[in-house]
Amino acid sequence: MRNHTIEGWIDDHGQPIMQLQLLGLEDPVVALIDTGFNGELIIYEEHAHQAHLRIKPKASDITLADGSRAEFLISEGVIEWFGESRQTTIFVIPGPAPQKGRWQIGTQLLRDCRLEINFRERNVRLSREV
């Protein structure tokens, strides 16, 4: 087995960040590693349309970590994950992306990974054996 690694960083707000590539988009997008989200990925509707994703017509009501409820659209997409294509369930936030809006990577994507966050060094390392 080989150990593959994705490198990220700690932003100016102390949040763990990495870049993620969604098939259909030209450039990678900055994503927050959100261990409080147990799905795979959250993106904005604007990006889903740019990537030509098919959004399911019925929205899903989701309970957030603080107990509040929010409505998300659902889609499927392919991301580059450790150098391979991976089919992913995507929660889509309705509407345009805010200027500083970030995607969120959830624990479902991280379940077979080791996540190391070094706040002092301001780096993030996500690794897994393949």
N, C-alpha and C. Protein backbone atom coordinates (compact mmCIF):
# COMPACT_ATOMS: atom_id res chain seq x y z
N MET A 1 0.83 -1.18 0.00
CA MET A 1 0.00 0.00 0.00
C MET A 1 0.88 1.24 0.00
N ARG A 2 0.37 2.30 -0.65
CA ARG A 2 1.06 3.58 -0.68
C ARG A 2 0.23 4.61 0.06
N ASN A 3 0.90 5.52 0.72
CA ASN A 3 0.24 6.59 1.45
C ASN A 3 0.17 7.82 0.54
N HIS A 4 -1.03 8.30 0.24
CA HIS A 4 -1.21 9.50 -0.55
C HIS A 4 -1.61 10.65 0.37
N THR A 5 -1.18 11.86 0.02
CA THR A 5 -1.40 13.01 0.88
C THR A 5 -1.93 14.19 0.08
N ILE A 6 -2.86 14.91 0.69
CA ILE A 6 -3.34 16.19 0.17
C ILE A 6 -2.95 17.24 1.21
N GLU A 7 -2.28 18.29 0.77
CA GLU A 7 -1.83 19.34 1.67
C GLU A 7 -2.82 20.50 1.66
N GLY A 8 -3.01 21.10 2.81
CA GLY A 8 -3.86 22.28 2.94
C GLY A 8 -3.19 23.29 3.84
N TRP A 9 -3.96 24.22 4.37
CA TRP A 9 -3.40 25.27 5.21
C TRP A 9 -4.45 25.77 6.20
N ILE A 10 -3.98 26.52 7.17
CA ILE A 10 -4.86 27.20 8.12
C ILE A 10 -5.00 28.64 7.64
N ASP A 11 -6.23 29.10 7.44
CA ASP A 11 -6.42 30.46 6.94
C ASP A 11 -6.27 31.49 8.06
N ASP A 12 -6.49 32.74 7.74
CA ASP A 12 -6.33 33.83 8.71
C ASP A 12 -7.37 33.81 9.82
N HIS A 13 -8.41 33.00 9.66
CA HIS A 13 -9.45 32.85 10.69
C HIS A 13 -9.26 31.59 11.51
N GLY A 14 -8.14 30.87 11.28
CA GLY A 14 -7.85 29.66 12.02
C GLY A 14 -8.62 28.44 11.54
N GLN A 15 -9.09 28.47 10.30
CA GLN A 15 -9.88 27.36 9.76
C GLN A 15 -9.04 26.48 8.85
N PRO A 16 -9.22 25.15 8.93
CA PRO A 16 -8.49 24.23 8.06
C PRO A 16 -9.08 24.26 6.64
N ILE A 17 -8.22 24.51 5.67
CA ILE A 17 -8.62 24.74 4.28
C ILE A 17 -7.81 23.84 3.35
N MET A 18 -8.44 23.43 2.25
CA MET A 18 -7.72 22.76 1.18
C MET A 18 -8.42 23.07 -0.14
N GLN A 19 -7.76 22.78 -1.24
CA GLN A 19 -8.38 22.97 -2.55
C GLN A 19 -9.00 21.67 -3.00
N LEU A 20 -10.11 21.79 -3.72
CA LEU A 20 -10.84 20.63 -4.21
C LEU A 20 -11.25 20.89 -5.65
N GLN A 21 -11.08 19.88 -6.49
CA GLN A 21 -11.44 20.00 -7.91
C GLN A 21 -12.72 19.22 -8.18
N LEU A 22 -13.73 19.90 -8.71
CA LEU A 22 -14.99 19.28 -9.11
C LEU A 22 -14.99 19.17 -10.62
N LEU A 23 -15.28 17.97 -11.14
CA LEU A 23 -15.36 17.76 -12.58
C LEU A 23 -16.39 18.72 -13.16
N GLY A 24 -16.03 19.41 -14.21
CA GLY A 24 -16.91 20.38 -14.83
C GLY A 24 -16.51 21.81 -14.55
N LEU A 25 -15.68 22.02 -13.54
CA LEU A 25 -15.14 23.34 -13.26
C LEU A 25 -13.69 23.40 -13.71
N GLU A 26 -13.28 24.53 -14.26
CA GLU A 26 -11.93 24.66 -14.78
C GLU A 26 -10.88 24.69 -13.68
N ASP A 27 -11.18 25.41 -12.59
CA ASP A 27 -10.20 25.61 -11.53
C ASP A 27 -10.64 24.95 -10.24
N PRO A 28 -9.67 24.56 -9.39
CA PRO A 28 -10.02 24.06 -8.06
C PRO A 28 -10.64 25.16 -7.22
N VAL A 29 -11.40 24.76 -6.21
CA VAL A 29 -12.09 25.70 -5.33
C VAL A 29 -11.58 25.49 -3.91
N VAL A 30 -11.50 26.57 -3.14
CA VAL A 30 -11.09 26.51 -1.74
C VAL A 30 -12.25 25.94 -0.92
N ALA A 31 -11.94 24.96 -0.07
CA ALA A 31 -12.97 24.30 0.74
C ALA A 31 -12.53 24.22 2.19
N LEU A 32 -13.48 24.43 3.07
CA LEU A 32 -13.28 24.32 4.51
C LEU A 32 -13.46 22.87 4.92
N ILE A 33 -12.55 22.33 5.72
CA ILE A 33 -12.72 21.00 6.28
C ILE A 33 -13.59 21.16 7.52
N ASP A 34 -14.81 20.66 7.44
CA ASP A 34 -15.82 20.87 8.48
C ASP A 34 -16.17 19.55 9.15
N THR A 35 -15.52 19.27 10.28
CA THR A 35 -15.76 18.00 10.98
C THR A 35 -17.11 17.98 11.69
N GLY A 36 -17.84 19.09 11.67
CA GLY A 36 -19.19 19.13 12.22
C GLY A 36 -20.25 18.78 11.19
N PHE A 37 -19.85 18.57 9.93
CA PHE A 37 -20.76 18.21 8.84
C PHE A 37 -20.50 16.76 8.49
N ASN A 38 -21.54 15.91 8.61
CA ASN A 38 -21.31 14.49 8.39
C ASN A 38 -21.63 14.00 6.98
N GLY A 39 -21.91 14.92 6.06
CA GLY A 39 -22.07 14.55 4.66
C GLY A 39 -20.73 14.55 3.96
N GLU A 40 -20.77 14.56 2.61
CA GLU A 40 -19.53 14.56 1.84
C GLU A 40 -19.09 15.97 1.47
N LEU A 41 -19.99 16.74 0.85
CA LEU A 41 -19.58 18.02 0.30
C LEU A 41 -20.76 18.98 0.24
N ILE A 42 -20.51 20.24 0.56
CA ILE A 42 -21.49 21.32 0.38
C ILE A 42 -20.88 22.33 -0.57
N ILE A 43 -21.65 22.68 -1.62
CA ILE A 43 -21.23 23.72 -2.56
C ILE A 43 -22.39 24.69 -2.78
N TYR A 44 -22.14 25.75 -3.49
CA TYR A 44 -23.18 26.73 -3.82
C TYR A 44 -23.84 26.39 -5.15
N GLU A 45 -25.10 26.74 -5.26
CA GLU A 45 -25.88 26.46 -6.48
C GLU A 45 -25.20 27.06 -7.72
N GLU A 46 -24.65 28.23 -7.58
CA GLU A 46 -23.94 28.88 -8.69
C GLU A 46 -22.85 27.97 -9.25
N HIS A 47 -22.07 27.34 -8.36
CA HIS A 47 -20.99 26.44 -8.80
C HIS A 47 -21.55 25.15 -9.39
N ALA A 48 -22.66 24.67 -8.83
CA ALA A 48 -23.29 23.46 -9.38
C ALA A 48 -23.73 23.69 -10.83
N HIS A 49 -24.29 24.86 -11.10
CA HIS A 49 -24.70 25.18 -12.47
C HIS A 49 -23.48 25.34 -13.38
N GLN A 50 -22.42 25.98 -12.89
CA GLN A 50 -21.21 26.14 -13.69
C GLN A 50 -20.60 24.79 -14.05
N ALA A 51 -20.73 23.81 -13.15
CA ALA A 51 -20.19 22.47 -13.39
C ALA A 51 -21.17 21.58 -14.15
N HIS A 52 -22.34 22.13 -14.49
CA HIS A 52 -23.39 21.40 -15.23
C HIS A 52 -23.90 20.18 -14.47
N LEU A 53 -24.00 20.31 -13.14
CA LEU A 53 -24.55 19.22 -12.34
C LEU A 53 -26.07 19.23 -12.43
N ARG A 54 -26.64 18.05 -12.38
CA ARG A 54 -28.11 17.92 -12.34
C ARG A 54 -28.53 17.97 -10.87
N ILE A 55 -29.32 18.97 -10.55
CA ILE A 55 -29.81 19.14 -9.19
C ILE A 55 -31.18 18.48 -9.10
N LYS A 56 -31.36 17.65 -8.08
CA LYS A 56 -32.64 16.98 -7.89
C LYS A 56 -33.72 18.01 -7.59
N PRO A 57 -34.94 17.80 -8.11
CA PRO A 57 -35.98 18.82 -7.97
C PRO A 57 -36.49 19.04 -6.55
N LYS A 58 -36.34 18.07 -5.67
CA LYS A 58 -36.86 18.20 -4.31
C LYS A 58 -35.73 18.53 -3.36
N ALA A 59 -35.92 19.57 -2.56
CA ALA A 59 -34.93 19.97 -1.56
C ALA A 59 -35.03 19.07 -0.34
N SER A 60 -33.93 18.97 0.41
CA SER A 60 -33.90 18.20 1.65
C SER A 60 -33.73 19.14 2.83
N ASP A 61 -34.48 18.88 3.89
CA ASP A 61 -34.38 19.65 5.12
C ASP A 61 -33.32 18.99 5.99
N ILE A 62 -32.27 19.72 6.35
CA ILE A 62 -31.13 19.18 7.06
C ILE A 62 -31.02 19.84 8.43
N THR A 63 -30.69 19.05 9.46
CA THR A 63 -30.42 19.61 10.78
C THR A 63 -28.95 19.98 10.88
N LEU A 64 -28.68 21.23 11.23
CA LEU A 64 -27.30 21.71 11.36
C LEU A 64 -26.76 21.41 12.75
N ALA A 65 -25.46 21.57 12.93
CA ALA A 65 -24.80 21.24 14.20
C ALA A 65 -25.39 22.01 15.38
N ASP A 66 -25.87 23.22 15.14
CA ASP A 66 -26.45 24.02 16.23
C ASP A 66 -27.92 23.69 16.51
N GLY A 67 -28.45 22.69 15.78
CA GLY A 67 -29.83 22.27 15.98
C GLY A 67 -30.82 22.97 15.07
N SER A 68 -30.39 24.03 14.38
CA SER A 68 -31.30 24.70 13.45
C SER A 68 -31.47 23.86 12.19
N ARG A 69 -32.48 24.18 11.41
CA ARG A 69 -32.77 23.44 10.19
C ARG A 69 -32.50 24.34 8.98
N ALA A 70 -32.02 23.74 7.90
CA ALA A 70 -31.77 24.47 6.66
C ALA A 70 -32.18 23.59 5.49
N GLU A 71 -32.55 24.22 4.41
CA GLU A 71 -32.96 23.48 3.22
C GLU A 71 -31.81 23.48 2.21
N PHE A 72 -31.45 22.29 1.77
CA PHE A 72 -30.40 22.12 0.77
C PHE A 72 -30.97 21.39 -0.43
N LEU A 73 -30.43 21.69 -1.59
CA LEU A 73 -30.70 20.91 -2.79
C LEU A 73 -29.69 19.77 -2.80
N ILE A 74 -29.97 18.74 -3.58
CA ILE A 74 -29.07 17.58 -3.63
C ILE A 74 -28.64 17.34 -5.08
N SER A 75 -27.38 16.97 -5.25
CA SER A 75 -26.85 16.64 -6.56
C SER A 75 -25.81 15.53 -6.41
N GLU A 76 -25.33 15.06 -7.50
CA GLU A 76 -24.22 14.11 -7.54
C GLU A 76 -23.15 14.71 -8.44
N GLY A 77 -21.90 14.50 -8.10
CA GLY A 77 -20.82 15.00 -8.92
C GLY A 77 -19.57 14.17 -8.73
N VAL A 78 -18.57 14.47 -9.52
CA VAL A 78 -17.30 13.75 -9.44
C VAL A 78 -16.22 14.75 -9.03
N ILE A 79 -15.49 14.40 -8.00
CA ILE A 79 -14.36 15.22 -7.55
C ILE A 79 -13.07 14.45 -7.76
N GLU A 80 -11.97 15.19 -7.81
CA GLU A 80 -10.66 14.54 -7.79
C GLU A 80 -10.29 14.36 -6.33
N TRP A 81 -10.05 13.11 -5.94
CA TRP A 81 -9.79 12.77 -4.55
C TRP A 81 -8.60 11.85 -4.49
N PHE A 82 -7.49 12.32 -3.98
CA PHE A 82 -6.24 11.57 -3.92
C PHE A 82 -5.84 11.06 -5.30
N GLY A 83 -5.98 11.93 -6.31
CA GLY A 83 -5.56 11.60 -7.66
C GLY A 83 -6.50 10.72 -8.43
N GLU A 84 -7.66 10.38 -7.86
CA GLU A 84 -8.64 9.53 -8.52
C GLU A 84 -9.98 10.24 -8.60
N SER A 85 -10.81 9.82 -9.53
CA SER A 85 -12.17 10.35 -9.63
C SER A 85 -13.05 9.66 -8.61
N ARG A 86 -13.86 10.44 -7.91
CA ARG A 86 -14.75 9.88 -6.89
C ARG A 86 -16.15 10.46 -7.04
N GLN A 87 -17.13 9.61 -7.20
CA GLN A 87 -18.54 10.01 -7.24
C GLN A 87 -18.94 10.47 -5.84
N THR A 88 -19.58 11.63 -5.75
CA THR A 88 -19.85 12.26 -4.47
C THR A 88 -21.27 12.80 -4.41
N THR A 89 -21.93 12.60 -3.28
CA THR A 89 -23.21 13.24 -3.02
C THR A 89 -22.94 14.66 -2.55
N ILE A 90 -23.59 15.62 -3.19
CA ILE A 90 -23.32 17.03 -2.92
C ILE A 90 -24.58 17.71 -2.41
N PHE A 91 -24.46 18.36 -1.26
CA PHE A 91 -25.52 19.24 -0.77
C PHE A 91 -25.27 20.60 -1.41
N VAL A 92 -26.32 21.18 -1.96
CA VAL A 92 -26.19 22.44 -2.70
C VAL A 92 -26.95 23.54 -1.96
N ILE A 93 -26.24 24.62 -1.64
CA ILE A 93 -26.86 25.78 -1.00
C ILE A 93 -27.53 26.60 -2.10
N PRO A 94 -28.85 26.80 -2.01
CA PRO A 94 -29.54 27.58 -3.05
C PRO A 94 -29.00 29.00 -3.17
N GLY A 95 -28.91 29.48 -4.42
CA GLY A 95 -28.52 30.86 -4.68
C GLY A 95 -27.06 31.02 -5.04
N PRO A 96 -26.67 32.27 -5.25
CA PRO A 96 -25.28 32.55 -5.64
C PRO A 96 -24.32 32.40 -4.47
N ALA A 97 -23.07 32.19 -4.80
CA ALA A 97 -22.02 32.07 -3.78
C ALA A 97 -21.66 33.46 -3.27
N PRO A 98 -21.57 33.63 -1.94
CA PRO A 98 -21.09 34.91 -1.42
C PRO A 98 -19.63 35.12 -1.80
N GLN A 99 -19.18 36.35 -1.76
CA GLN A 99 -17.83 36.67 -2.20
C GLN A 99 -16.77 35.82 -1.50
N LYS A 100 -16.91 35.61 -0.20
CA LYS A 100 -15.93 34.83 0.55
C LYS A 100 -16.48 33.46 0.93
N GLY A 101 -17.52 33.01 0.24
CA GLY A 101 -18.11 31.71 0.54
C GLY A 101 -17.18 30.57 0.18
N ARG A 102 -17.18 29.55 1.02
CA ARG A 102 -16.33 28.38 0.79
C ARG A 102 -17.18 27.12 0.76
N TRP A 103 -16.72 26.18 -0.02
CA TRP A 103 -17.33 24.86 0.04
C TRP A 103 -16.98 24.25 1.39
N GLN A 104 -17.69 23.17 1.73
CA GLN A 104 -17.38 22.47 2.97
C GLN A 104 -17.20 20.99 2.69
N ILE A 105 -16.10 20.46 3.17
CA ILE A 105 -15.81 19.03 3.08
C ILE A 105 -16.22 18.41 4.40
N GLY A 106 -17.08 17.39 4.33
CA GLY A 106 -17.58 16.75 5.54
C GLY A 106 -16.90 15.44 5.87
N THR A 107 -17.28 14.89 7.00
CA THR A 107 -16.62 13.69 7.52
C THR A 107 -16.86 12.44 6.67
N GLN A 108 -17.93 12.43 5.87
CA GLN A 108 -18.16 11.27 5.00
C GLN A 108 -17.01 11.13 3.99
N LEU A 109 -16.47 12.24 3.52
CA LEU A 109 -15.31 12.18 2.62
C LEU A 109 -14.03 11.81 3.37
N LEU A 110 -13.99 12.14 4.66
CA LEU A 110 -12.78 11.93 5.45
C LEU A 110 -12.72 10.57 6.13
N ARG A 111 -13.75 9.77 6.01
CA ARG A 111 -13.89 8.58 6.86
C ARG A 111 -12.75 7.56 6.73
N ASP A 112 -12.08 7.49 5.60
CA ASP A 112 -10.96 6.55 5.48
C ASP A 112 -9.61 7.28 5.42
N CYS A 113 -9.58 8.47 6.01
CA CYS A 113 -8.39 9.32 5.97
C CYS A 113 -7.86 9.62 7.37
N ARG A 114 -6.64 10.07 7.38
CA ARG A 114 -6.04 10.62 8.60
C ARG A 114 -5.93 12.12 8.37
N LEU A 115 -6.52 12.91 9.27
CA LEU A 115 -6.49 14.36 9.18
C LEU A 115 -5.57 14.90 10.26
N GLU A 116 -4.54 15.64 9.85
CA GLU A 116 -3.62 16.27 10.78
C GLU A 116 -3.71 17.78 10.59
N ILE A 117 -4.00 18.48 11.69
CA ILE A 117 -4.08 19.94 11.65
C ILE A 117 -3.05 20.49 12.63
N ASN A 118 -2.13 21.27 12.12
CA ASN A 118 -1.10 21.88 12.95
C ASN A 118 -1.33 23.39 12.94
N PHE A 119 -1.99 23.88 13.99
CA PHE A 119 -2.33 25.30 14.04
C PHE A 119 -1.09 26.17 14.19
N ARG A 120 -0.10 25.72 14.92
CA ARG A 120 1.12 26.51 15.10
C ARG A 120 1.85 26.69 13.78
N GLU A 121 1.97 25.60 13.02
CA GLU A 121 2.66 25.64 11.73
C GLU A 121 1.75 26.11 10.59
N ARG A 122 0.44 26.21 10.89
CA ARG A 122 -0.58 26.64 9.91
C ARG A 122 -0.65 25.73 8.69
N ASN A 123 -0.57 24.41 8.94
CA ASN A 123 -0.72 23.50 7.81
C ASN A 123 -1.69 22.38 8.14
N VAL A 124 -2.21 21.79 7.08
CA VAL A 124 -3.19 20.70 7.15
C VAL A 124 -2.68 19.59 6.25
N ARG A 125 -2.79 18.37 6.73
CA ARG A 125 -2.39 17.21 5.92
C ARG A 125 -3.49 16.16 6.02
N LEU A 126 -3.97 15.76 4.87
CA LEU A 126 -4.98 14.71 4.78
C LEU A 126 -4.32 13.54 4.05
N SER A 127 -4.31 12.37 4.67
CA SER A 127 -3.63 11.24 4.04
C SER A 127 -4.48 9.98 4.13
N ARG A 128 -4.20 9.07 3.21
CA ARG A 128 -4.86 7.76 3.26
C ARG A 128 -4.00 6.77 2.49
N GLU A 129 -4.15 5.51 2.87
CA GLU A 129 -3.42 4.44 2.20
C GLU A 129 -4.28 3.91 1.06
N VAL A 130 -3.65 3.75 -0.11
CA VAL A 130 -4.34 3.17 -1.27
C VAL A 130 -3.47 2.12 -1.91
